């Protein structure tokens, strides 16, 4: 059965894309309470993951200021983990920038899906929103807006700042500070924290044949080229050629197709744990 998603656009009068008017104040309060509860749950995982990042950054030779500044100014979760791993492997900064850019390219889809909802928000605030956009913030926000059938800017700030930015940065500080008190992280198995975390993220992203081929080819090329040439070159080869191999795999006739810039495409290529079930419509297409 095919699952389609309604278009995410707001009407000038504040109604939903299907002509429905916004919910009343009671519905707003209920949706906000649900949003806060969901944000608390995600915040707990962000604390754990941010702590691991702080430890990993410390092991990679980042100073406390550098590690904390990266979480505050870059604020890119998995891309920060990837950057730490590339630095450990000795990859040059242009390669680090290129590969982390490719890893974060999915945020273009998130932005396209959120743009209709936020077009009335002043540009300076939208710029801050863009900086704070994460998988978790998108998942919470798009679900909240979908329930209300209208924009709630307050909800975005709760989703972005409360669920991830604050806990991630606090945990980074804790990881960096406590990491300095651990003389030999390898003694406690902390040397495998980064590869284990990235492996878990990669497994969660394998949704079909294309992703599986990309993962196998990317990992295989990375290992082979790394052994023959050097680990940094292997990282670039696997990171660039793996996805190309996946794209070359023919699509199955029964494989669903979703438009770029919709929640469907964002969900397919988001990090594990980001879901948008509130917007899924079964058995029909409600898009205008």
Protein backbone atom coordinates (compact mmCIF):
# COMPACT_ATOMS: atom_id res chain seq x y z
CA UNK A 1 0.00 0.00 0.00
CA UNK A 2 1.36 3.38 -0.96
CA UNK A 3 1.72 6.09 1.67
CA UNK A 4 1.55 9.72 0.58
CA UNK A 5 2.06 12.88 2.53
CA UNK A 6 0.07 16.10 2.29
CA UNK A 7 1.83 19.15 0.98
CA UNK A 8 3.35 21.34 3.67
CA UNK A 9 2.19 24.85 2.91
CA UNK A 10 0.20 27.38 4.83
CA UNK A 11 -2.53 29.54 3.35
CA UNK A 12 -2.43 33.33 3.75
CA UNK A 13 -5.33 33.27 6.18
CA UNK A 14 -3.53 30.83 8.48
CA UNK A 15 -5.53 27.79 7.43
CA UNK A 16 -4.18 24.40 6.46
CA UNK A 17 -3.27 23.38 2.91
CA UNK A 18 -6.59 21.52 2.69
CA UNK A 19 -8.65 24.55 3.61
CA UNK A 20 -9.09 23.71 7.30
CA UNK A 21 -8.89 26.52 9.81
CA UNK A 22 -6.42 26.45 12.70
CA UNK A 23 -7.24 24.52 15.84
CA UNK A 24 -8.43 26.41 18.90
CA UNK A 25 -6.42 27.35 21.96
CA UNK A 26 -7.15 24.04 23.67
CA UNK A 27 -5.64 22.09 20.77
CA UNK A 28 -2.62 24.38 20.81
CA UNK A 29 -2.06 23.70 24.51
CA UNK A 30 -2.44 19.94 24.02
CA UNK A 31 -0.02 19.87 21.08
CA UNK A 32 2.49 22.01 22.96
CA UNK A 33 2.37 19.71 25.97
CA UNK A 34 2.99 16.74 23.71
CA UNK A 35 5.85 18.61 22.06
CA UNK A 36 7.49 19.33 25.42
CA UNK A 37 7.20 15.69 26.50
CA UNK A 38 8.73 14.52 23.22
CA UNK A 39 11.49 17.13 23.50
CA UNK A 40 12.39 15.90 26.99
CA UNK A 41 12.73 12.35 25.70
CA UNK A 42 14.94 13.41 22.80
CA UNK A 43 16.92 15.66 25.12
CA UNK A 44 17.90 12.64 27.21
CA UNK A 45 19.42 10.94 24.18
CA UNK A 46 21.12 14.19 23.13
CA UNK A 47 22.77 14.35 26.55
CA UNK A 48 24.22 10.87 26.14
CA UNK A 49 25.33 11.43 22.55
CA UNK A 50 26.80 14.86 23.29
CA UNK A 51 28.81 13.42 26.16
CA UNK A 52 30.29 10.81 23.84
CA UNK A 53 31.14 13.55 21.34
CA UNK A 54 32.95 15.52 24.06
CA UNK A 55 35.05 12.47 24.95
CA UNK A 56 35.81 11.76 21.29
CA UNK A 57 36.78 15.36 20.55
CA UNK A 58 39.11 15.35 23.52
CA UNK A 59 40.74 12.15 22.28
CA UNK A 60 41.15 13.65 18.80
CA UNK A 61 43.26 16.44 20.28
CA UNK A 62 40.63 19.18 20.32
CA UNK A 63 41.11 21.71 23.07
CA UNK A 64 38.12 22.27 25.38
CA UNK A 65 37.45 25.62 23.69
CA UNK A 66 37.56 24.04 20.22
CA UNK A 67 35.27 21.16 21.14
CA UNK A 68 32.74 23.42 22.86
CA UNK A 69 32.86 26.02 20.07
CA UNK A 70 32.18 23.30 17.50
CA UNK A 71 29.04 22.21 19.34
CA UNK A 72 27.88 25.81 19.71
CA UNK A 73 28.74 27.22 16.29
CA UNK A 74 28.61 24.16 14.05
CA UNK A 75 25.97 22.21 15.98
CA UNK A 76 25.74 19.33 13.54
CA UNK A 77 25.56 16.14 15.59
CA UNK A 78 26.62 13.29 13.33
CA UNK A 79 28.72 15.63 11.19
CA UNK A 80 30.68 16.60 14.31
CA UNK A 81 31.35 12.93 15.01
CA UNK A 82 32.44 12.47 11.40
CA UNK A 83 34.74 15.50 11.58
CA UNK A 84 36.36 14.13 14.72
CA UNK A 85 36.98 10.80 12.99
CA UNK A 86 38.46 12.49 9.93
CA UNK A 87 40.79 14.55 12.13
CA UNK A 88 41.92 11.39 13.92
CA UNK A 89 42.68 9.82 10.53
CA UNK A 90 44.73 12.86 9.54
CA UNK A 91 42.40 14.02 6.76
CA UNK A 92 43.14 17.54 5.47
CA UNK A 93 40.61 20.26 6.31
CA UNK A 94 39.27 20.60 2.74
CA UNK A 95 38.34 16.91 2.83
CA UNK A 96 36.74 17.28 6.26
CA UNK A 97 34.64 20.20 5.03
CA UNK A 98 33.58 18.41 1.85
CA UNK A 99 32.56 15.15 3.49
CA UNK A 100 30.72 16.76 6.40
CA UNK A 101 28.93 19.00 3.88
CA UNK A 102 27.75 15.93 2.00
CA UNK A 103 26.64 14.31 5.26
CA UNK A 104 24.55 17.36 6.15
CA UNK A 105 23.05 17.82 2.68
CA UNK A 106 19.80 16.24 3.90
CA UNK A 107 19.08 19.49 5.73
CA UNK A 108 18.24 21.03 2.37
CA UNK A 109 15.23 18.70 2.30
CA UNK A 110 14.24 19.66 5.82
CA UNK A 111 14.44 23.36 4.93
CA UNK A 112 12.31 22.87 1.83
CA UNK A 113 9.62 21.11 3.84
CA UNK A 114 9.59 23.78 6.57
CA UNK A 115 9.81 26.82 4.28
CA UNK A 116 6.04 27.14 3.57
CA UNK A 117 5.28 27.08 7.28
CA UNK A 118 7.88 29.71 8.18
CA UNK A 119 7.61 32.15 5.29
CA UNK A 120 5.94 34.79 7.50
CA UNK A 121 8.75 34.64 10.08
CA UNK A 122 11.21 37.57 9.74
CA UNK A 123 14.41 36.67 7.92
CA UNK A 124 16.79 37.21 10.89
CA UNK A 125 14.84 34.73 13.02
CA UNK A 126 14.68 32.27 10.14
CA UNK A 127 18.48 32.48 9.91
CA UNK A 128 18.74 31.47 13.57
CA UNK A 129 16.20 28.70 12.96
CA UNK A 130 18.34 27.40 10.11
CA UNK A 131 21.38 27.24 12.38
CA UNK A 132 19.43 25.27 14.98
CA UNK A 133 17.84 22.87 12.48
CA UNK A 134 18.53 19.20 13.24
CA UNK A 135 16.86 15.88 12.51
CA UNK A 136 15.18 15.99 15.90
CA UNK A 137 14.07 19.61 15.59
CA UNK A 138 12.58 18.91 12.18
CA UNK A 139 10.77 15.78 13.34
CA UNK A 140 9.23 17.49 16.37
CA UNK A 141 8.35 20.70 14.54
CA UNK A 142 6.77 19.14 11.48
CA UNK A 143 4.66 16.87 13.69
CA UNK A 144 3.58 19.83 15.83
CA UNK A 145 2.68 21.98 12.84
CA UNK A 146 0.86 19.07 11.23
CA UNK A 147 -1.31 18.53 14.30
CA UNK A 148 -2.20 22.24 14.49
CA UNK A 149 -2.59 22.76 10.74
CA UNK A 150 -0.72 26.05 11.18
CA UNK A 151 2.59 27.56 12.25
CA UNK A 152 3.59 27.88 15.89
CA UNK A 153 6.97 29.59 16.09
CA UNK A 154 7.17 28.96 19.83
CA UNK A 155 7.01 25.26 19.10
CA UNK A 156 10.01 25.44 16.79
CA UNK A 157 12.16 27.08 19.45
CA UNK A 158 11.17 24.43 22.00
CA UNK A 159 11.91 21.66 19.51
CA UNK A 160 15.26 23.08 18.41
CA UNK A 161 16.67 24.59 21.60
CA UNK A 162 15.03 22.49 24.29
CA UNK A 163 15.39 19.06 22.71
CA UNK A 164 18.92 19.29 21.31
CA UNK A 165 20.86 22.56 21.49
CA UNK A 166 20.90 22.94 25.26
CA UNK A 167 21.42 19.28 26.21
CA UNK A 168 23.96 18.73 23.41
CA UNK A 169 26.11 21.67 24.48
CA UNK A 170 25.88 20.89 28.20
CA UNK A 171 26.86 17.28 27.50
CA UNK A 172 29.75 18.40 25.30
CA UNK A 173 31.15 20.46 28.17
CA UNK A 174 30.75 17.51 30.54
CA UNK A 175 32.45 15.12 28.10
CA UNK A 176 35.38 17.45 27.51
CA UNK A 177 35.88 18.20 31.22
CA UNK A 178 35.51 14.63 32.42
CA UNK A 179 37.57 13.35 29.50
CA UNK A 180 40.53 15.27 30.90
CA UNK A 181 40.19 13.24 34.11
CA UNK A 182 40.50 9.90 32.27
CA UNK A 183 44.23 9.24 31.72
CA UNK A 184 43.82 6.29 29.36
CA UNK A 185 40.45 6.13 27.56
CA UNK A 186 41.45 2.93 25.75
CA UNK A 187 41.57 1.21 29.13
CA UNK A 188 37.81 1.70 29.42
CA UNK A 189 37.08 0.96 25.77
CA UNK A 190 36.47 4.65 24.98
CA UNK A 191 38.72 4.42 21.93
CA UNK A 192 35.95 2.62 20.08
CA UNK A 193 33.26 5.15 20.99
CA UNK A 194 33.43 7.04 17.70
CA UNK A 195 33.55 4.07 15.31
CA UNK A 196 30.79 2.30 17.26
CA UNK A 197 28.57 5.40 17.19
CA UNK A 198 29.06 5.97 13.47
CA UNK A 199 28.49 2.29 12.70
CA UNK A 200 25.20 2.43 14.58
CA UNK A 201 24.12 5.52 12.64
CA UNK A 202 25.07 3.90 9.34
CA UNK A 203 23.10 0.73 10.08
CA UNK A 204 20.03 2.80 10.93
CA UNK A 205 20.23 4.57 7.57
CA UNK A 206 20.15 1.38 5.49
CA UNK A 207 16.54 1.43 4.28
CA UNK A 208 16.80 -0.55 1.04
CA UNK A 209 19.00 -1.97 -1.71
CA UNK A 210 20.52 1.34 -2.72
CA UNK A 211 21.58 2.25 0.79
CA UNK A 212 22.95 -1.25 1.36
CA UNK A 213 25.03 -1.11 -1.82
CA UNK A 214 26.28 2.37 -0.93
CA UNK A 215 27.29 1.18 2.55
CA UNK A 216 29.07 -1.95 1.30
CA UNK A 217 30.88 -0.22 -1.57
CA UNK A 218 31.79 2.80 0.57
CA UNK A 219 33.13 0.70 3.43
CA UNK A 220 34.95 -1.69 1.09
CA UNK A 221 36.60 1.08 -0.89
CA UNK A 222 37.49 2.94 2.28
CA UNK A 223 39.29 -0.07 3.71
CA UNK A 224 41.04 -1.12 0.49
CA UNK A 225 42.15 2.36 -0.56
CA UNK A 226 43.09 3.14 3.03
CA UNK A 227 45.39 0.12 3.19
CA UNK A 228 46.92 0.74 -0.23
CA UNK A 229 47.27 4.51 -0.12
CA UNK A 230 46.33 6.06 3.25
CA UNK A 231 43.29 6.21 5.57
CA UNK A 232 42.39 9.82 4.65
CA UNK A 233 42.32 8.99 0.94
CA UNK A 234 40.27 5.89 1.73
CA UNK A 235 37.71 8.00 3.59
CA UNK A 236 37.29 10.33 0.61
CA UNK A 237 37.10 7.47 -1.90
CA UNK A 238 34.50 5.57 0.11
CA UNK A 239 32.51 8.68 0.95
CA UNK A 240 32.26 9.83 -2.66
CA UNK A 241 32.06 6.57 -4.63
CA UNK A 242 29.82 4.62 -2.23
CA UNK A 243 26.77 6.88 -2.72
CA UNK A 244 27.38 6.92 -6.50
CA UNK A 245 27.30 3.13 -6.53
CA UNK A 246 24.05 3.18 -4.59
CA UNK A 247 22.48 5.64 -7.03
CA UNK A 248 23.41 3.33 -9.91
CA UNK A 249 21.25 0.51 -8.51
CA UNK A 250 17.96 0.32 -10.46
CA UNK A 251 14.83 1.17 -8.51
CA UNK A 252 12.31 -1.63 -8.01
CA UNK A 253 8.97 -1.12 -9.84
CA UNK A 254 7.05 -1.34 -6.56
CA UNK A 255 9.37 1.00 -4.66
CA UNK A 256 7.48 4.14 -3.52
CA UNK A 257 8.57 7.47 -4.91
CA UNK A 258 8.50 10.65 -2.84
CA UNK A 259 9.12 14.20 -3.95
CA UNK A 260 12.25 16.02 -2.85
CA UNK A 261 11.57 18.62 -0.21
CA UNK A 262 8.66 16.74 1.35
CA UNK A 263 8.53 15.07 4.78
CA UNK A 264 8.60 11.72 2.96
CA UNK A 265 12.01 12.35 1.45
CA UNK A 266 13.26 13.91 4.68
CA UNK A 267 12.17 10.88 6.69
CA UNK A 268 13.81 8.45 4.30
CA UNK A 269 17.17 10.20 4.53
CA UNK A 270 17.06 11.46 8.10
CA UNK A 271 19.11 10.12 10.96
CA UNK A 272 17.67 7.23 13.00
CA UNK A 273 14.96 8.22 15.45
CA UNK A 274 13.39 10.98 13.37
CA UNK A 275 9.84 10.02 12.34
CA UNK A 276 6.87 11.96 11.05
CA UNK A 277 4.01 9.50 11.53
CA UNK A 278 1.48 12.23 12.35
CA UNK A 279 1.57 13.39 8.73
CA UNK A 280 1.19 10.04 6.99
CA UNK A 281 -2.07 9.45 5.16
CA UNK A 282 -2.79 5.85 4.22
CA UNK A 283 -4.28 4.78 0.94
CA UNK A 284 -4.86 8.16 -0.67
CA UNK A 285 -3.15 11.31 -1.78
CA UNK A 286 -4.51 14.45 -0.09
CA UNK A 287 -2.18 16.82 -1.83
CA UNK A 288 -3.89 19.52 -3.89
